[in-house]
Amino acid sequence: MTPRITWDEASARRYERQLLRTPAPPGTPPAEVVATLLATHAQVLSAAELSVGLRLDGATRQDVRAALWDDRSVVKTYGPRGTIHLLASAELPFWSAALTAIPEGPSPFPQDVRMTPAQEDEVVTAIGDALAGKQLTIDELTEEVVARTGPWAGDLVMEAFQGKWPRWRQVMHRAGQSGALCFAPNRGRKATYTRPPRFEPLPAQEALATLVRHYLHAYGPATPQHFAKWVAGPKSWAADLFAALAASGGIEEVDFEGSPAWVVAGDTGFPSEGVRGVRLLPYFDAYTIAAQPRERMFPGAAYQRALAGGQAGNYPVLLVDGVVAGVWHQRRQGKRTTVTVEALGRLSAAQRRELREQVDRVGEVLGASAELVVGKVTVGPHA
């Protein structure tokens, strides 16, 4: 018989596997936590530091930075959806092969801006060669890419915030996903780039199967449509991928709240005890991005208050019993930070005590003394 899974069971298992019920013990390498999350959104690096630090008992942002910049067990690069993530370096062999095997949609660039497939390959190779053993700013990397390819790569044809970017930059995300580029420590206020630790990519189909299994282990039950949204791939392609994995015995179907969904084959054990507790999660935390269906993750008023046009991650969120129940914002001043939490429902005395502990933990991770204010968050998304 097809196993039947309820939302409460799925939520409890995700919460547990995402290290939200119990953080990883002291001394656990940050790379292990990053791998557990699968990928940690890092467009705002302080948010990524919080995502990892809150899940690792006693850790601070300095532990995450040491893993990122010193021992390089974690890399900051272009991951799912072409956005910046932290990935575990040991998992780059499947990440790189899987991400570059996901079909891309039509180019968003006008015909006269695009590069040919051959030119794209040439630029990605040039980026990797230029960054081997070096840390370059974007301007320095532009010079190196143009010198290795030709003036066409440096043509200022891409619309940017206050001017034009050179043509080659339209494949920066692809260079990151393929292992030719990752971020290095800032040089002053300027971002710099380098090449990640060398690795041998897995065969594409093996890598995709590995990525699906990791995704379902962390966030299942899930549908091909959920996976397609998470990686920004075509729905039909994801459906075919899941069908092939099911046929080979790698994943199996379950009944999730009355609809078909998928888990890793044999991974049908779920906690009987529901989620209890209060947690604070930062911008674009993996749990709120990947847990589906979104209407259950953001119930009632949370769907309007904590999402931006249906998109998750634009607000740091308050979790109560595993689902979004408010938003929060922190304002740093020197060694102090004020954390304003807007709860969408009444918090019990016990929940307010746990919230206080969460605010203190946020302060510890960020290296600040934290003050809790319960009230309206007046700033908008990404503030």
Protein backbone atom coordinates (compact mmCIF):
# COMPACT_ATOMS: atom_id res chain seq x y z
CA MET A 1 0.00 0.00 0.00
CA THR A 2 1.10 3.56 -0.70
CA PRO A 3 2.26 5.20 2.55
CA ARG A 4 0.03 8.08 3.67
CA ILE A 5 1.83 11.14 5.05
CA THR A 6 0.19 14.10 6.77
CA TRP A 7 1.42 17.68 6.80
CA ASP A 8 2.18 17.44 10.53
CA GLU A 9 4.33 14.36 9.98
CA ALA A 10 6.19 15.91 7.05
CA SER A 11 6.68 19.15 8.94
CA ALA A 12 8.06 17.35 11.98
CA ARG A 13 10.57 15.39 9.92
CA ARG A 14 11.76 18.42 7.97
CA TYR A 15 12.09 20.41 11.19
CA GLU A 16 14.18 17.64 12.70
CA ARG A 17 16.35 17.08 9.64
CA GLN A 18 16.91 20.81 9.28
CA LEU A 19 18.47 20.86 12.75
CA LEU A 20 15.71 23.10 14.06
CA ARG A 21 14.51 20.74 16.78
CA THR A 22 18.05 20.13 18.03
CA PRO A 23 21.13 21.97 16.70
CA ALA A 24 24.21 20.04 15.66
CA PRO A 25 26.57 19.43 18.62
CA PRO A 26 29.52 21.74 19.32
CA GLY A 27 32.51 21.00 17.13
CA THR A 28 30.47 19.90 14.13
CA PRO A 29 32.11 21.37 11.02
CA PRO A 30 29.99 24.14 9.48
CA ALA A 31 30.33 22.32 6.15
CA GLU A 32 28.26 19.46 7.59
CA VAL A 33 25.49 21.87 8.49
CA VAL A 34 25.61 23.45 5.03
CA ALA A 35 25.34 19.98 3.49
CA THR A 36 22.39 19.17 5.76
CA LEU A 37 20.58 22.27 4.49
CA LEU A 38 21.70 21.18 1.00
CA ALA A 39 22.39 24.79 0.00
CA THR A 40 22.39 28.00 2.05
CA HIS A 41 21.24 31.17 0.31
CA ALA A 42 24.04 33.73 0.62
CA GLN A 43 23.07 36.79 -1.39
CA VAL A 44 23.19 38.44 2.05
CA LEU A 45 26.15 36.74 3.70
CA SER A 46 25.09 37.68 7.25
CA ALA A 47 21.83 35.81 6.65
CA ALA A 48 23.74 32.72 5.55
CA GLU A 49 25.93 32.99 8.64
CA LEU A 50 22.77 33.04 10.76
CA SER A 51 21.21 30.10 8.90
CA VAL A 52 24.26 27.97 9.67
CA GLY A 53 25.13 29.41 13.08
CA LEU A 54 21.64 28.95 14.54
CA ARG A 55 21.82 25.25 13.66
CA LEU A 56 25.22 24.62 15.25
CA ASP A 57 25.37 24.73 19.02
CA GLY A 58 27.76 27.44 20.22
CA ALA A 59 28.81 28.55 16.74
CA THR A 60 29.27 32.15 15.66
CA ARG A 61 29.61 33.85 12.30
CA GLN A 62 33.40 33.57 12.70
CA ASP A 63 33.14 29.77 12.52
CA VAL A 64 31.25 30.05 9.24
CA ARG A 65 33.78 32.54 7.88
CA ALA A 66 36.68 30.28 8.83
CA ALA A 67 35.09 27.40 6.90
CA LEU A 68 34.47 29.71 3.97
CA TRP A 69 37.71 31.67 3.70
CA ASP A 70 40.34 29.69 5.64
CA ASP A 71 39.91 25.94 5.25
CA ARG A 72 37.58 26.33 2.21
CA SER A 73 35.38 23.44 3.28
CA VAL A 74 32.51 25.73 2.23
CA VAL A 75 32.32 27.83 -0.93
CA LYS A 76 30.20 30.84 -1.78
CA THR A 77 29.12 30.50 -5.39
CA TYR A 78 26.20 30.39 -7.81
CA GLY A 79 23.88 27.55 -6.85
CA PRO A 80 20.22 26.64 -7.38
CA ARG A 81 18.21 29.14 -9.45
CA GLY A 82 21.45 30.85 -10.44
CA THR A 83 21.53 32.66 -7.09
CA ILE A 84 24.40 32.92 -4.64
CA HIS A 85 24.59 30.09 -2.08
CA LEU A 86 26.99 28.45 0.30
CA LEU A 87 27.74 24.89 -0.76
CA ALA A 88 29.87 22.23 0.93
CA SER A 89 33.09 21.89 -1.08
CA ALA A 90 32.98 18.10 -0.77
CA GLU A 91 29.65 18.11 -2.62
CA LEU A 92 30.77 20.18 -5.61
CA PRO A 93 31.21 17.06 -7.80
CA PHE A 94 27.45 16.43 -7.83
CA TRP A 95 26.36 20.06 -7.52
CA SER A 96 28.35 21.23 -10.52
CA ALA A 97 27.32 18.39 -12.79
CA ALA A 98 23.66 18.59 -11.76
CA LEU A 99 23.30 22.37 -12.02
CA THR A 100 24.86 22.49 -15.47
CA ALA A 101 22.57 19.66 -16.63
CA ILE A 102 19.35 21.55 -15.80
CA PRO A 103 17.78 22.84 -19.03
CA GLU A 104 17.76 26.62 -19.23
CA GLY A 105 14.89 28.67 -20.55
CA PRO A 106 15.12 31.18 -23.39
CA SER A 107 17.85 33.79 -23.01
CA PRO A 108 16.60 36.98 -21.32
CA PHE A 109 19.05 39.03 -23.37
CA PRO A 110 18.42 40.66 -26.76
CA GLN A 111 19.93 38.96 -29.78
CA ASP A 112 22.72 41.53 -30.18
CA VAL A 113 23.76 41.06 -26.54
CA ARG A 114 23.90 37.26 -26.44
CA MET A 115 26.94 35.11 -27.00
CA THR A 116 27.06 32.00 -29.10
CA PRO A 117 27.36 28.66 -27.27
CA ALA A 118 30.99 28.49 -28.38
CA GLN A 119 31.68 31.96 -27.00
CA GLU A 120 30.01 31.06 -23.71
CA ASP A 121 32.26 28.01 -23.36
CA GLU A 122 35.29 30.13 -24.23
CA VAL A 123 34.44 32.68 -21.55
CA VAL A 124 33.84 30.06 -18.85
CA THR A 125 37.21 28.48 -19.64
CA ALA A 126 38.87 31.89 -19.57
CA ILE A 127 37.32 32.68 -16.18
CA GLY A 128 38.61 29.43 -14.68
CA ASP A 129 42.10 29.96 -16.09
CA ALA A 130 42.23 33.57 -14.91
CA LEU A 131 41.15 32.72 -11.36
CA ALA A 132 43.41 29.71 -10.78
CA GLY A 133 45.41 30.60 -7.68
CA LYS A 134 44.30 34.25 -7.77
CA GLN A 135 41.75 36.56 -6.20
CA LEU A 136 40.48 39.18 -8.63
CA THR A 137 37.95 42.00 -8.48
CA ILE A 138 35.31 42.18 -11.21
CA ASP A 139 37.29 44.80 -13.12
CA GLU A 140 40.48 42.76 -12.93
CA LEU A 141 38.59 39.67 -14.04
CA THR A 142 37.13 41.58 -16.97
CA GLU A 143 40.63 42.48 -18.14
CA GLU A 144 41.74 38.86 -17.90
CA VAL A 145 38.69 37.50 -19.72
CA VAL A 146 39.01 40.00 -22.57
CA ALA A 147 42.73 39.28 -22.91
CA ARG A 148 41.99 35.54 -23.19
CA THR A 149 39.00 35.79 -25.53
CA GLY A 150 38.67 39.03 -27.46
CA PRO A 151 37.28 42.57 -27.32
CA TRP A 152 33.75 41.28 -27.96
CA ALA A 153 33.67 39.83 -24.43
CA GLY A 154 34.21 43.30 -22.96
CA ASP A 155 31.58 45.14 -25.01
CA LEU A 156 29.43 47.20 -22.63
CA VAL A 157 26.05 45.88 -23.79
CA MET A 158 24.35 44.50 -20.67
CA GLU A 159 21.89 46.72 -18.85
CA ALA A 160 23.09 47.33 -15.28
CA PHE A 161 22.03 49.42 -12.32
CA GLN A 162 23.79 52.62 -13.32
CA GLY A 163 25.34 51.94 -16.68
CA LYS A 164 26.38 48.93 -18.74
CA TRP A 165 28.15 45.68 -17.91
CA PRO A 166 30.51 43.84 -20.28
CA ARG A 167 29.03 41.06 -22.39
CA TRP A 168 30.90 38.23 -20.66
CA ARG A 169 29.10 38.77 -17.35
CA GLN A 170 25.93 37.11 -18.60
CA VAL A 171 27.56 33.73 -17.93
CA MET A 172 28.95 34.45 -14.45
CA HIS A 173 26.35 32.18 -12.88
CA ARG A 174 27.26 29.41 -15.30
CA ALA A 175 30.95 29.83 -14.47
CA GLY A 176 30.09 29.46 -10.80
CA GLN A 177 27.88 26.44 -11.33
CA SER A 178 30.50 24.71 -13.47
CA GLY A 179 33.31 25.18 -10.94
CA ALA A 180 35.27 27.89 -12.73
CA LEU A 181 34.45 30.64 -10.22
CA CYS A 182 33.52 31.24 -6.61
CA PHE A 183 33.71 34.20 -4.25
CA ALA A 184 36.82 35.14 -2.28
CA PRO A 185 37.04 37.53 0.71
CA ASN A 186 36.16 41.13 -0.06
CA ARG A 187 39.01 43.50 -0.80
CA GLY A 188 37.83 46.49 1.16
CA ARG A 189 34.29 47.04 -0.12
CA LYS A 190 34.93 45.25 -3.41
CA ALA A 191 33.91 41.65 -4.03
CA THR A 192 36.63 39.36 -5.28
CA TYR A 193 36.53 36.00 -7.04
CA THR A 194 38.73 32.94 -7.17
CA ARG A 195 38.51 29.33 -8.31
CA PRO A 196 37.05 26.72 -5.93
CA PRO A 197 39.05 23.69 -4.83
CA ARG A 198 39.59 21.36 -7.79
CA PHE A 199 37.15 18.49 -8.21
CA GLU A 200 36.02 15.95 -10.80
CA PRO A 201 32.32 16.34 -11.70
CA LEU A 202 30.09 13.27 -11.56
CA PRO A 203 28.36 12.05 -14.73
CA ALA A 204 25.31 14.24 -15.30
CA GLN A 205 22.59 11.65 -14.70
CA GLU A 206 24.28 10.33 -11.56
CA ALA A 207 24.61 13.90 -10.29
CA LEU A 208 20.95 14.70 -10.95
CA ALA A 209 19.87 11.52 -9.18
CA THR A 210 22.08 12.45 -6.22
CA LEU A 211 20.62 15.96 -6.07
CA VAL A 212 17.04 14.66 -6.15
CA ARG A 213 17.74 12.16 -3.36
CA HIS A 214 19.40 14.84 -1.22
CA TYR A 215 16.49 17.21 -1.85
CA LEU A 216 13.85 14.62 -0.97
CA HIS A 217 15.75 13.53 2.14
CA ALA A 218 15.84 17.12 3.39
CA TYR A 219 12.46 18.43 2.18
CA GLY A 220 10.30 15.53 1.07
CA PRO A 221 7.64 14.50 0.47
CA ALA A 222 7.74 16.67 -2.63
CA THR A 223 6.50 16.65 -6.20
CA PRO A 224 8.43 17.13 -9.44
CA GLN A 225 6.82 20.58 -9.63
CA HIS A 226 8.22 21.49 -6.22
CA PHE A 227 11.68 20.36 -7.30
CA ALA A 228 11.41 22.23 -10.60
CA LYS A 229 10.56 25.44 -8.75
CA TRP A 230 13.44 24.94 -6.33
CA VAL A 231 16.05 24.52 -9.09
CA ALA A 232 14.32 26.80 -11.64
CA GLY A 233 14.00 23.98 -14.17
CA PRO A 234 11.20 23.04 -16.57
CA LYS A 235 8.29 21.17 -14.98
CA SER A 236 8.15 18.59 -17.77
CA TRP A 237 11.86 17.88 -17.41
CA ALA A 238 11.47 17.41 -13.64
CA ALA A 239 8.51 15.08 -14.18
CA ASP A 240 10.57 12.93 -16.57
CA LEU A 241 13.50 12.91 -14.13
CA PHE A 242 11.31 11.74 -11.24
CA ALA A 243 9.68 9.11 -13.44
CA ALA A 244 13.08 7.72 -14.42
CA LEU A 245 14.25 7.63 -10.80
CA ALA A 246 11.03 5.91 -9.73
CA ALA A 247 11.42 3.32 -12.49
CA SER A 248 14.97 2.57 -11.33
CA GLY A 249 13.86 2.23 -7.70
CA GLY A 250 15.64 5.33 -6.40
CA ILE A 251 12.51 7.12 -5.16
CA GLU A 252 9.01 6.00 -4.25
CA GLU A 253 5.55 7.52 -4.31
CA VAL A 254 3.59 8.37 -1.16
CA ASP A 255 0.20 9.91 -0.51
CA PHE A 256 0.88 13.37 0.91
CA GLU A 257 -2.29 15.00 2.19
CA GLY A 258 -4.32 13.21 -0.48
CA SER A 259 -2.00 13.93 -3.42
CA PRO A 260 0.90 11.95 -4.90
CA ALA A 261 4.39 13.02 -3.82
CA TRP A 262 7.82 11.40 -3.56
CA VAL A 263 10.42 10.39 -1.00
CA VAL A 264 13.72 8.53 -1.25
CA ALA A 265 13.00 4.83 -1.65
CA GLY A 266 12.51 3.27 1.76
CA ASP A 267 12.58 6.62 3.57
CA THR A 268 8.99 6.41 4.80
CA GLY A 269 9.51 6.76 8.55
CA PHE A 270 8.08 9.97 10.02
CA PRO A 271 7.93 11.27 13.62
CA SER A 272 4.66 10.74 15.42
CA GLU A 273 5.24 13.78 17.64
CA GLY A 274 4.36 17.16 16.12
CA VAL A 275 6.58 20.22 16.00
CA ARG A 276 6.69 22.41 19.07
CA GLY A 277 8.80 25.47 19.65
CA VAL A 278 9.73 28.98 18.58
CA ARG A 279 12.52 29.75 16.14
CA LEU A 280 13.85 32.79 14.28
CA LEU A 281 15.11 32.25 10.73
CA PRO A 282 16.87 34.84 8.55
CA TYR A 283 16.28 36.00 5.00
CA PHE A 284 15.97 33.20 2.44
CA ASP A 285 16.51 30.41 4.94
CA ALA A 286 16.51 27.00 3.26
CA TYR A 287 13.64 25.68 5.40
CA THR A 288 11.19 28.39 4.36
CA ILE A 289 12.30 28.35 0.72
CA ALA A 290 12.11 24.61 0.10
CA ALA A 291 9.30 23.35 2.37
CA GLN A 292 6.14 22.85 0.31
CA PRO A 293 3.23 23.32 -0.12
CA ARG A 294 3.82 27.00 0.62
CA GLU A 295 0.23 27.62 1.70
CA ARG A 296 0.79 25.25 4.62
CA MET A 297 4.21 26.67 5.45
CA PHE A 298 2.77 30.21 5.50
CA PRO A 299 -0.74 29.68 6.89
CA GLY A 300 -3.43 32.33 7.19
CA ALA A 301 -2.18 35.89 7.59
CA ALA A 302 1.44 34.75 7.17
CA TYR A 303 0.90 34.18 3.45
CA GLN A 304 0.30 37.89 2.89
CA ARG A 305 2.59 39.28 5.60
CA ALA A 306 5.70 37.14 5.24
CA LEU A 307 5.78 36.60 1.47
CA ALA A 308 6.40 39.07 -1.32
CA GLY A 309 4.13 38.27 -4.23
CA GLY A 310 4.15 34.61 -3.16
CA GLN A 311 7.97 34.52 -3.02
CA ALA A 312 9.50 33.22 0.20
CA GLY A 313 12.62 34.58 1.84
CA ASN A 314 12.15 38.30 1.50
CA TYR A 315 11.47 38.64 5.23
CA PRO A 316 13.18 36.99 8.18
CA VAL A 317 10.47 34.88 9.80
CA LEU A 318 9.22 33.77 13.18
CA LEU A 319 8.39 30.07 13.32
CA VAL A 320 5.90 28.79 15.86
CA ASP A 321 5.42 25.02 15.92
CA GLY A 322 7.16 24.64 12.58
CA VAL A 323 5.22 27.15 10.47
CA VAL A 324 5.60 30.86 9.80
CA ALA A 325 3.78 32.93 12.43
CA GLY A 326 5.40 36.35 12.05
CA VAL A 327 8.30 38.40 10.75
CA TRP A 328 11.27 40.09 12.38
CA HIS A 329 14.01 42.62 11.69
CA GLN A 330 17.27 43.51 13.37
CA ARG A 331 18.92 46.91 13.56
CA ARG A 332 22.62 46.85 14.44
CA GLN A 333 24.29 49.70 16.26
CA GLY A 334 27.88 48.99 17.21
CA LYS A 335 28.00 45.95 19.47
CA ARG A 336 24.25 45.97 20.09
CA THR A 337 21.38 44.87 17.90
CA THR A 338 17.68 45.47 18.39
CA VAL A 339 15.54 42.58 17.20
CA THR A 340 11.93 43.58 16.52
CA VAL A 341 9.56 40.62 16.25
CA GLU A 342 6.05 40.98 14.85
CA ALA A 343 3.98 37.97 15.85
CA LEU A 344 0.78 37.37 13.90
CA GLY A 345 -0.91 35.73 16.86
CA ARG A 346 -0.71 35.70 20.63
CA LEU A 347 2.37 34.11 22.13
CA SER A 348 2.11 32.23 25.40
CA ALA A 349 4.40 33.05 28.29
CA ALA A 350 6.47 29.95 27.48
CA GLN A 351 6.73 30.94 23.83
CA ARG A 352 7.84 34.46 24.76
CA ARG A 353 10.59 32.98 26.94
CA GLU A 354 11.73 30.81 24.06
CA LEU A 355 11.64 33.82 21.77
CA ARG A 356 13.88 35.68 24.19
CA GLU A 357 16.34 32.76 24.04
CA GLN A 358 16.24 32.83 20.25
CA VAL A 359 16.99 36.55 20.18
CA ASP A 360 19.92 36.01 22.51
CA ARG A 361 21.19 33.25 20.22
CA VAL A 362 20.93 35.55 17.17
CA GLY A 363 23.07 38.04 19.06
CA GLU A 364 25.63 35.38 19.93
CA VAL A 365 25.96 34.24 16.31
CA LEU A 366 26.40 37.83 15.10
CA GLY A 367 28.69 38.85 17.95
CA ALA A 368 26.29 41.41 19.41
CA SER A 369 24.28 42.02 22.54
CA ALA A 370 20.66 41.58 21.45
CA GLU A 371 17.56 43.39 22.70
CA LEU A 372 14.07 42.03 21.99
CA VAL A 373 11.22 44.35 21.01
CA VAL A 374 7.84 42.78 20.32
CA GLY A 375 5.93 45.04 17.94
CA LYS A 376 5.26 46.02 14.35
CA VAL A 377 8.04 45.55 11.79
CA THR A 378 7.86 48.73 9.74
CA VAL A 379 10.55 48.04 7.14
CA GLY A 380 9.82 46.33 3.85
CA PRO A 381 11.35 43.21 2.29
CA HIS A 382 15.13 43.01 1.99
CA ALA A 383 15.54 45.88 4.47
